[in-house]
Amino acid sequence: MSQLLFPLQDRLLRALTGLNRKAFESLLESFDQMYEQTLHSKPRQRSVGGGRKARLRTNQEKLFYILFYFKCYPTFDERWYLV
């Protein structure tokens, strides 16, 4: 998905998330900090690397999907093609 996200035109990014590229990158910085803080805030039940591998690997992909989901509210079938 990251190869799809980088070349997104500003107009398309705004249509899918409601944010332009500058606002998205600004929000991504805050999202990175909060996501890392959340990961280290409570003790783990399992060691790092256990469990299923994430399909949305980067924080950029995660933030994009969250914003896209809240703006467009895709159905289950549509989400399958995005991830």
PDB file of N, CA and C in Angstrom:
ATOM      1  N   MET A   1       0.819  -1.185   0.000  1.00  0.00           N
ATOM      2  CA  MET A   1       0.000   0.000   0.000  1.00  0.00           C
ATOM      3  C   MET A   1       0.867   1.254   0.000  1.00  0.00           C
ATOM      4  N   SER A   2       2.069   1.196   0.567  1.00  0.00           N
ATOM      5  CA  SER A   2       2.892   2.394   0.626  1.00  0.00           C
ATOM      6  C   SER A   2       3.253   2.894  -0.759  1.00  0.00           C
ATOM      7  N   GLN A   3       3.429   1.988  -1.724  1.00  0.00           N
ATOM      8  CA  GLN A   3       3.723   2.435  -3.081  1.00  0.00           C
ATOM      9  C   GLN A   3       2.529   3.176  -3.674  1.00  0.00           C
ATOM     10  N   LEU A   4       1.325   2.921  -3.191  1.00  0.00           N
ATOM     11  CA  LEU A   4       0.150   3.659  -3.643  1.00  0.00           C
ATOM     12  C   LEU A   4       0.049   5.023  -2.960  1.00  0.00           C
ATOM     13  N   LEU A   5       0.505   5.094  -1.729  1.00  0.00           N
ATOM     14  CA  LEU A   5       0.297   6.294  -0.937  1.00  0.00           C
ATOM     15  C   LEU A   5       1.230   7.435  -1.315  1.00  0.00           C
ATOM     16  N   PHE A   6       2.474   7.148  -1.629  1.00  0.00           N
ATOM     17  CA  PHE A   6       3.433   8.205  -1.914  1.00  0.00           C
ATOM     18  C   PHE A   6       3.087   9.029  -3.145  1.00  0.00           C
ATOM     19  N   PRO A   7       2.720   8.416  -4.275  1.00  0.00           N
ATOM     20  CA  PRO A   7       2.457   9.259  -5.446  1.00  0.00           C
ATOM     21  C   PRO A   7       1.049   9.854  -5.499  1.00  0.00           C
ATOM     22  N   LEU A   8       0.273   9.736  -4.415  1.00  0.00           N
ATOM     23  CA  LEU A   8      -1.079  10.290  -4.449  1.00  0.00           C
ATOM     24  C   LEU A   8      -1.027  11.790  -4.707  1.00  0.00           C
ATOM     25  N   GLN A   9      -1.826  12.208  -5.639  1.00  0.00           N
ATOM     26  CA  GLN A   9      -1.928  13.634  -5.910  1.00  0.00           C
ATOM     27  C   GLN A   9      -2.624  14.304  -4.730  1.00  0.00           C
ATOM     28  N   ASP A  10      -2.337  15.572  -4.552  1.00  0.00           N
ATOM     29  CA  ASP A  10      -2.915  16.304  -3.429  1.00  0.00           C
ATOM     30  C   ASP A  10      -4.439  16.285  -3.481  1.00  0.00           C
ATOM     31  N   ARG A  11      -4.985  16.380  -4.679  1.00  0.00           N
ATOM     32  CA  ARG A  11      -6.449  16.378  -4.834  1.00  0.00           C
ATOM     33  C   ARG A  11      -7.035  15.036  -4.420  1.00  0.00           C
ATOM     34  N   LEU A  12      -6.383  13.951  -4.810  1.00  0.00           N
ATOM     35  CA  LEU A  12      -6.864  12.618  -4.460  1.00  0.00           C
ATOM     36  C   LEU A  12      -6.701  12.354  -2.963  1.00  0.00           C
ATOM     37  N   LEU A  13      -5.588  12.783  -2.396  1.00  0.00           N
ATOM     38  CA  LEU A  13      -5.373  12.621  -0.959  1.00  0.00           C
ATOM     39  C   LEU A  13      -6.441  13.385  -0.180  1.00  0.00           C
ATOM     40  N   ARG A  14      -6.770  14.578  -0.645  1.00  0.00           N
ATOM     41  CA  ARG A  14      -7.824  15.364   0.013  1.00  0.00           C
ATOM     42  C   ARG A  14      -9.192  14.688  -0.125  1.00  0.00           C
ATOM     43  N   ALA A  15      -9.452  14.085  -1.260  1.00  0.00           N
ATOM     44  CA  ALA A  15     -10.735  13.409  -1.470  1.00  0.00           C
ATOM     45  C   ALA A  15     -10.864  12.162  -0.593  1.00  0.00           C
ATOM     46  N   LEU A  16      -9.762  11.467  -0.375  1.00  0.00           N
ATOM     47  CA  LEU A  16      -9.803  10.215   0.379  1.00  0.00           C
ATOM     48  C   LEU A  16      -9.706  10.409   1.885  1.00  0.00           C
ATOM     49  N   THR A  17      -8.999  11.466   2.321  1.00  0.00           N
ATOM     50  CA  THR A  17      -8.785  11.652   3.753  1.00  0.00           C
ATOM     51  C   THR A  17      -9.341  12.960   4.297  1.00  0.00           C
ATOM     52  N   GLY A  18      -9.570  13.930   3.438  1.00  0.00           N
ATOM     53  CA  GLY A  18     -10.019  15.236   3.892  1.00  0.00           C
ATOM     54  C   GLY A  18      -8.875  16.177   4.233  1.00  0.00           C
ATOM     55  N   LEU A  19      -7.626  15.724   4.040  1.00  0.00           N
ATOM     56  CA  LEU A  19      -6.456  16.545   4.352  1.00  0.00           C
ATOM     57  C   LEU A  19      -5.571  16.703   3.123  1.00  0.00           C
ATOM     58  N   ASN A  20      -4.915  17.855   3.013  1.00  0.00           N
ATOM     59  CA  ASN A  20      -3.919  18.000   1.956  1.00  0.00           C
ATOM     60  C   ASN A  20      -2.609  17.373   2.444  1.00  0.00           C
ATOM     61  N   ARG A  21      -1.604  17.310   1.583  1.00  0.00           N
ATOM     62  CA  ARG A  21      -0.360  16.625   1.925  1.00  0.00           C
ATOM     63  C   ARG A  21       0.360  17.263   3.114  1.00  0.00           C
ATOM     64  N   LYS A  22       0.372  18.595   3.161  1.00  0.00           N
ATOM     65  CA  LYS A  22       1.061  19.286   4.249  1.00  0.00           C
ATOM     66  C   LYS A  22       0.387  18.982   5.594  1.00  0.00           C
ATOM     67  N   ALA A  23      -0.932  19.013   5.631  1.00  0.00           N
ATOM     68  CA  ALA A  23      -1.658  18.715   6.861  1.00  0.00           C
ATOM     69  C   ALA A  23      -1.488  17.248   7.254  1.00  0.00           C
ATOM     70  N   PHE A  24      -1.477  16.358   6.258  1.00  0.00           N
ATOM     71  CA  PHE A  24      -1.288  14.931   6.523  1.00  0.00           C
ATOM     72  C   PHE A  24       0.082  14.682   7.142  1.00  0.00           C
ATOM     73  N   GLU A  25       1.123  15.286   6.580  1.00  0.00           N
ATOM     74  CA  GLU A  25       2.474  15.095   7.103  1.00  0.00           C
ATOM     75  C   GLU A  25       2.624  15.683   8.497  1.00  0.00           C
ATOM     76  N   SER A  26       1.962  16.797   8.755  1.00  0.00           N
ATOM     77  CA  SER A  26       1.987  17.399  10.082  1.00  0.00           C
ATOM     78  C   SER A  26       1.307  16.479  11.098  1.00  0.00           C
ATOM     79  N   LEU A  27       0.170  15.945  10.726  1.00  0.00           N
ATOM     80  CA  LEU A  27      -0.546  15.024  11.605  1.00  0.00           C
ATOM     81  C   LEU A  27       0.233  13.725  11.784  1.00  0.00           C
ATOM     82  N   LEU A  28       0.956  13.307  10.768  1.00  0.00           N
ATOM     83  CA  LEU A  28       1.741  12.076  10.832  1.00  0.00           C
ATOM     84  C   LEU A  28       2.827  12.176  11.901  1.00  0.00           C
ATOM     85  N   GLU A  29       3.437  13.331  12.059  1.00  0.00           N
ATOM     86  CA  GLU A  29       4.458  13.513  13.092  1.00  0.00           C
ATOM     87  C   GLU A  29       3.870  13.279  14.484  1.00  0.00           C
ATOM     88  N   SER A  30       2.706  13.857  14.744  1.00  0.00           N
ATOM     89  CA  SER A  30       2.043  13.662  16.037  1.00  0.00           C
ATOM     90  C   SER A  30       1.594  12.217  16.204  1.00  0.00           C
ATOM     91  N   PHE A  31       1.088  11.642  15.133  1.00  0.00           N
ATOM     92  CA  PHE A  31       0.626  10.256  15.166  1.00  0.00           C
ATOM     93  C   PHE A  31       1.782   9.312  15.489  1.00  0.00           C
ATOM     94  N   ASP A  32       2.950   9.542  14.880  1.00  0.00           N
ATOM     95  CA  ASP A  32       4.129   8.716  15.152  1.00  0.00           C
ATOM     96  C   ASP A  32       4.477   8.734  16.636  1.00  0.00           C
ATOM     97  N   GLN A  33       4.500   9.915  17.215  1.00  0.00           N
ATOM     98  CA  GLN A  33       4.855  10.045  18.630  1.00  0.00           C
ATOM     99  C   GLN A  33       3.845   9.341  19.524  1.00  0.00           C
ATOM    100  N   MET A  34       2.569   9.565  19.268  1.00  0.00           N
ATOM    101  CA  MET A  34       1.532   8.960  20.103  1.00  0.00           C
ATOM    102  C   MET A  34       1.479   7.441  19.930  1.00  0.00           C
ATOM    103  N   TYR A  35       1.696   6.968  18.720  1.00  0.00           N
ATOM    104  CA  TYR A  35       1.672   5.528  18.465  1.00  0.00           C
ATOM    105  C   TYR A  35       2.816   4.835  19.198  1.00  0.00           C
ATOM    106  N   GLU A  36       4.016   5.411  19.137  1.00  0.00           N
ATOM    107  CA  GLU A  36       5.164   4.835  19.847  1.00  0.00           C
ATOM    108  C   GLU A  36       4.946   4.882  21.355  1.00  0.00           C
ATOM    109  N   GLN A  37       4.389   5.968  21.843  1.00  0.00           N
ATOM    110  CA  GLN A  37       4.112   6.094  23.269  1.00  0.00           C
ATOM    111  C   GLN A  37       3.104   5.035  23.712  1.00  0.00           C
ATOM    112  N   THR A  38       2.089   4.783  22.897  1.00  0.00           N
ATOM    113  CA  THR A  38       1.077   3.785  23.216  1.00  0.00           C
ATOM    114  C   THR A  38       1.672   2.381  23.234  1.00  0.00           C
ATOM    115  N   LEU A  39       2.574   2.104  22.312  1.00  0.00           N
ATOM    116  CA  LEU A  39       3.193   0.779  22.253  1.00  0.00           C
ATOM    117  C   LEU A  39       4.001   0.467  23.503  1.00  0.00           C
ATOM    118  N   HIS A  40       4.634   1.480  24.084  1.00  0.00           N
ATOM    119  CA  HIS A  40       5.516   1.260  25.221  1.00  0.00           C
ATOM    120  C   HIS A  40       4.868   1.596  26.556  1.00  0.00           C
ATOM    121  N   SER A  41       3.588   1.926  26.573  1.00  0.00           N
ATOM    122  CA  SER A  41       2.958   2.393  27.799  1.00  0.00           C
ATOM    123  C   SER A  41       2.528   1.266  28.737  1.00  0.00           C
ATOM    124  N   LYS A  42       2.221   0.089  28.222  1.00  0.00           N
ATOM    125  CA  LYS A  42       1.783  -0.996  29.102  1.00  0.00           C
ATOM    126  C   LYS A  42       2.625  -2.250  28.830  1.00  0.00           C
ATOM    127  N   PRO A  43       2.750  -3.109  29.833  1.00  0.00           N
ATOM    128  CA  PRO A  43       3.566  -4.312  29.645  1.00  0.00           C
ATOM    129  C   PRO A  43       2.930  -5.268  28.630  1.00  0.00           C
ATOM    130  N   ARG A  44       3.789  -5.955  27.900  1.00  0.00           N
ATOM    131  CA  ARG A  44       3.331  -6.889  26.866  1.00  0.00           C
ATOM    132  C   ARG A  44       3.019  -8.250  27.469  1.00  0.00           C
ATOM    133  N   GLN A  45       2.016  -8.930  26.919  1.00  0.00           N
ATOM    134  CA  GLN A  45       1.721 -10.297  27.326  1.00  0.00           C
ATOM    135  C   GLN A  45       2.594 -11.291  26.568  1.00  0.00           C
ATOM    136  N   ARG A  46       2.977 -10.922  25.352  1.00  0.00           N
ATOM    137  CA  ARG A  46       3.806 -11.790  24.519  1.00  0.00           C
ATOM    138  C   ARG A  46       5.037 -11.012  24.069  1.00  0.00           C
ATOM    139  N   SER A  47       6.040 -11.735  23.629  1.00  0.00           N
ATOM    140  CA  SER A  47       7.255 -11.061  23.192  1.00  0.00           C
ATOM    141  C   SER A  47       7.043 -10.377  21.848  1.00  0.00           C
ATOM    142  N   VAL A  48       7.919  -9.454  21.533  1.00  0.00           N
ATOM    143  CA  VAL A  48       7.848  -8.726  20.271  1.00  0.00           C
ATOM    144  C   VAL A  48       8.038  -9.705  19.120  1.00  0.00           C
ATOM    145  N   GLY A  49       7.210  -9.575  18.099  1.00  0.00           N
ATOM    146  CA  GLY A  49       7.293 -10.458  16.936  1.00  0.00           C
ATOM    147  C   GLY A  49       6.299 -11.602  16.972  1.00  0.00           C
ATOM    148  N   GLY A  50       5.640 -11.796  18.086  1.00  0.00           N
ATOM    149  CA  GLY A  50       4.638 -12.851  18.179  1.00  0.00           C
ATOM    150  C   GLY A  50       3.331 -12.404  17.553  1.00  0.00           C
ATOM    151  N   GLY A  51       2.584 -13.336  17.055  1.00  0.00           N
ATOM    152  CA  GLY A  51       1.285 -13.022  16.478  1.00  0.00           C
ATOM    153  C   GLY A  51       1.339 -12.761  14.993  1.00  0.00           C
ATOM    154  N   ARG A  52       0.214 -12.354  14.461  1.00  0.00           N
ATOM    155  CA  ARG A  52       0.085 -12.098  13.032  1.00  0.00           C
ATOM    156  C   ARG A  52       0.849 -10.851  12.620  1.00  0.00           C
ATOM    157  N   LYS A  53       1.415 -10.885  11.425  1.00  0.00           N
ATOM    158  CA  LYS A  53       2.128  -9.731  10.891  1.00  0.00           C
ATOM    159  C   LYS A  53       1.120  -8.711  10.366  1.00  0.00           C
ATOM    160  N   ALA A  54       1.393  -7.459  10.627  1.00  0.00           N
ATOM    161  CA  ALA A  54       0.479  -6.390  10.227  1.00  0.00           C
ATOM    162  C   ALA A  54       0.501  -6.192   8.716  1.00  0.00           C
ATOM    163  N   ARG A  55      -0.655  -5.925   8.159  1.00  0.00           N
ATOM    164  CA  ARG A  55      -0.725  -5.605   6.730  1.00  0.00           C
ATOM    165  C   ARG A  55      -0.397  -4.146   6.487  1.00  0.00           C
ATOM    166  N   LEU A  56      -0.783  -3.302   7.409  1.00  0.00           N
ATOM    167  CA  LEU A  56      -0.432  -1.884   7.337  1.00  0.00           C
ATOM    168  C   LEU A  56       0.840  -1.723   8.159  1.00  0.00           C
ATOM    169  N   ARG A  57       1.969  -1.720   7.487  1.00  0.00           N
ATOM    170  CA  ARG A  57       3.250  -1.810   8.188  1.00  0.00           C
ATOM    171  C   ARG A  57       3.764  -0.471   8.703  1.00  0.00           C
ATOM    172  N   THR A  58       3.607   0.581   7.940  1.00  0.00           N
ATOM    173  CA  THR A  58       4.160   1.871   8.366  1.00  0.00           C
ATOM    174  C   THR A  58       3.086   2.705   9.056  1.00  0.00           C
ATOM    175  N   ASN A  59       3.540   3.662   9.844  1.00  0.00           N
ATOM    176  CA  ASN A  59       2.595   4.572  10.499  1.00  0.00           C
ATOM    177  C   ASN A  59       1.867   5.431   9.477  1.00  0.00           C
ATOM    178  N   GLN A  60       2.506   5.705   8.358  1.00  0.00           N
ATOM    179  CA  GLN A  60       1.865   6.466   7.295  1.00  0.00           C
ATOM    180  C   GLN A  60       0.657   5.697   6.749  1.00  0.00           C
ATOM    181  N   GLU A  61       0.829   4.416   6.537  1.00  0.00           N
ATOM    182  CA  GLU A  61      -0.276   3.588   6.040  1.00  0.00           C
ATOM    183  C   GLU A  61      -1.387   3.497   7.070  1.00  0.00           C
ATOM    184  N   LYS A  62      -1.030   3.369   8.331  1.00  0.00           N
ATOM    185  CA  LYS A  62      -2.034   3.270   9.396  1.00  0.00           C
ATOM    186  C   LYS A  62      -2.852   4.547   9.497  1.00  0.00           C
ATOM    187  N   LEU A  63      -2.159   5.688   9.504  1.00  0.00           N
ATOM    188  CA  LEU A  63      -2.867   6.968   9.593  1.00  0.00           C
ATOM    189  C   LEU A  63      -3.750   7.193   8.377  1.00  0.00           C
ATOM    190  N   PHE A  64      -3.240   6.875   7.184  1.00  0.00           N
ATOM    191  CA  PHE A  64      -4.042   7.024   5.974  1.00  0.00           C
ATOM    192  C   PHE A  64      -5.319   6.198   6.065  1.00  0.00           C
ATOM    193  N   TYR A  65      -5.192   4.952   6.507  1.00  0.00           N
ATOM    194  CA  TYR A  65      -6.363   4.083   6.585  1.00  0.00           C
ATOM    195  C   TYR A  65      -7.366   4.588   7.622  1.00  0.00           C
ATOM    196  N   ILE A  66      -6.880   5.058   8.754  1.00  0.00           N
ATOM    197  CA  ILE A  66      -7.786   5.593   9.777  1.00  0.00           C
ATOM    198  C   ILE A  66      -8.564   6.785   9.241  1.00  0.00           C
ATOM    199  N   LEU A  67      -7.862   7.724   8.610  1.00  0.00           N
ATOM    200  CA  LEU A  67      -8.529   8.910   8.064  1.00  0.00           C
ATOM    201  C   LEU A  67      -9.478   8.550   6.937  1.00  0.00           C
ATOM    202  N   PHE A  68      -9.056   7.633   6.069  1.00  0.00           N
ATOM    203  CA  PHE A  68      -9.910   7.189   4.968  1.00  0.00           C
ATOM    204  C   PHE A  68     -11.177   6.523   5.507  1.00  0.00           C
ATOM    205  N   TYR A  69     -11.011   5.676   6.507  1.00  0.00           N
ATOM    206  CA  TYR A  69     -12.156   4.968   7.075  1.00  0.00           C
ATOM    207  C   TYR A  69     -13.173   5.937   7.669  1.00  0.00           C
ATOM    208  N   PHE A  70     -12.698   6.912   8.431  1.00  0.00           N
ATOM    209  CA  PHE A  70     -13.624   7.862   9.052  1.00  0.00           C
ATOM    210  C   PHE A  70     -14.287   8.784   8.036  1.00  0.00           C
ATOM    211  N   LYS A  71     -13.598   9.098   6.950  1.00  0.00           N
ATOM    212  CA  LYS A  71     -14.180   9.994   5.957  1.00  0.00           C
ATOM    213  C   LYS A  71     -15.143   9.265   5.033  1.00  0.00           C
ATOM    214  N   CYS A  72     -14.749   8.102   4.542  1.00  0.00           N
ATOM    215  CA  CYS A  72     -15.530   7.412   3.507  1.00  0.00           C
ATOM    216  C   CYS A  72     -16.377   6.260   4.027  1.00  0.00           C
ATOM    217  N   TYR A  73     -16.037   5.716   5.205  1.00  0.00           N
ATOM    218  CA  TYR A  73     -16.733   4.592   5.813  1.00  0.00           C
ATOM    219  C   TYR A  73     -17.003   3.478   4.788  1.00  0.00           C
ATOM    220  N   PRO A  74     -15.942   2.826   4.318  1.00  0.00           N
ATOM    221  CA  PRO A  74     -16.112   1.782   3.291  1.00  0.00           C
ATOM    222  C   PRO A  74     -16.755   0.527   3.870  1.00  0.00           C
ATOM    223  N   THR A  75     -17.415  -0.237   3.011  1.00  0.00           N
ATOM    224  CA  THR A  75     -18.012  -1.497   3.434  1.00  0.00           C
ATOM    225  C   THR A  75     -16.916  -2.544   3.601  1.00  0.00           C
ATOM    226  N   PHE A  76     -17.265  -3.693   4.137  1.00  0.00           N
ATOM    227  CA  PHE A  76     -16.300  -4.762   4.360  1.00  0.00           C
ATOM    228  C   PHE A  76     -15.644  -5.191   3.057  1.00  0.00           C
ATOM    229  N   ASP A  77     -16.419  -5.317   1.999  1.00  0.00           N
ATOM    230  CA  ASP A  77     -15.874  -5.744   0.702  1.00  0.00           C
ATOM    231  C   ASP A  77     -14.911  -4.731   0.133  1.00  0.00           C
ATOM    232  N   GLU A  78     -15.192  -3.450   0.280  1.00  0.00           N
ATOM    233  CA  GLU A  78     -14.305  -2.410  -0.232  1.00  0.00           C
ATOM    234  C   GLU A  78     -12.993  -2.368   0.552  1.00  0.00           C
ATOM    235  N   ARG A  79     -13.074  -2.576   1.868  1.00  0.00           N
ATOM    236  CA  ARG A  79     -11.866  -2.559   2.695  1.00  0.00           C
ATOM    237  C   ARG A  79     -10.933  -3.680   2.327  1.00  0.00           C
ATOM    238  N   TRP A  80     -11.460  -4.803   1.894  1.00  0.00           N
ATOM    239  CA  TRP A  80     -10.636  -5.957   1.528  1.00  0.00           C
ATOM    240  C   TRP A  80      -9.653  -5.597   0.420  1.00  0.00           C
ATOM    241  N   TYR A  81     -10.080  -4.783  -0.533  1.00  0.00           N
ATOM    242  CA  TYR A  81      -9.215  -4.424  -1.652  1.00  0.00           C
ATOM    243  C   TYR A  81      -8.158  -3.388  -1.270  1.00  0.00           C
ATOM    244  N   LEU A  82      -8.389  -2.656  -0.203  1.00  0.00           N
ATOM    245  CA  LEU A  82      -7.455  -1.602   0.194  1.00  0.00           C
ATOM    246  C   LEU A  82      -6.276  -2.111   1.009  1.00  0.00           C
ATOM    247  N   VAL A  83      -6.478  -3.181   1.736  1.00  0.00           N
ATOM    248  CA  VAL A  83      -5.427  -3.650   2.652  1.00  0.00           C
ATOM    249  C   VAL A  83      -4.593  -4.713   2.023  1.00  0.00           C
TER     250      VAL A  83
END
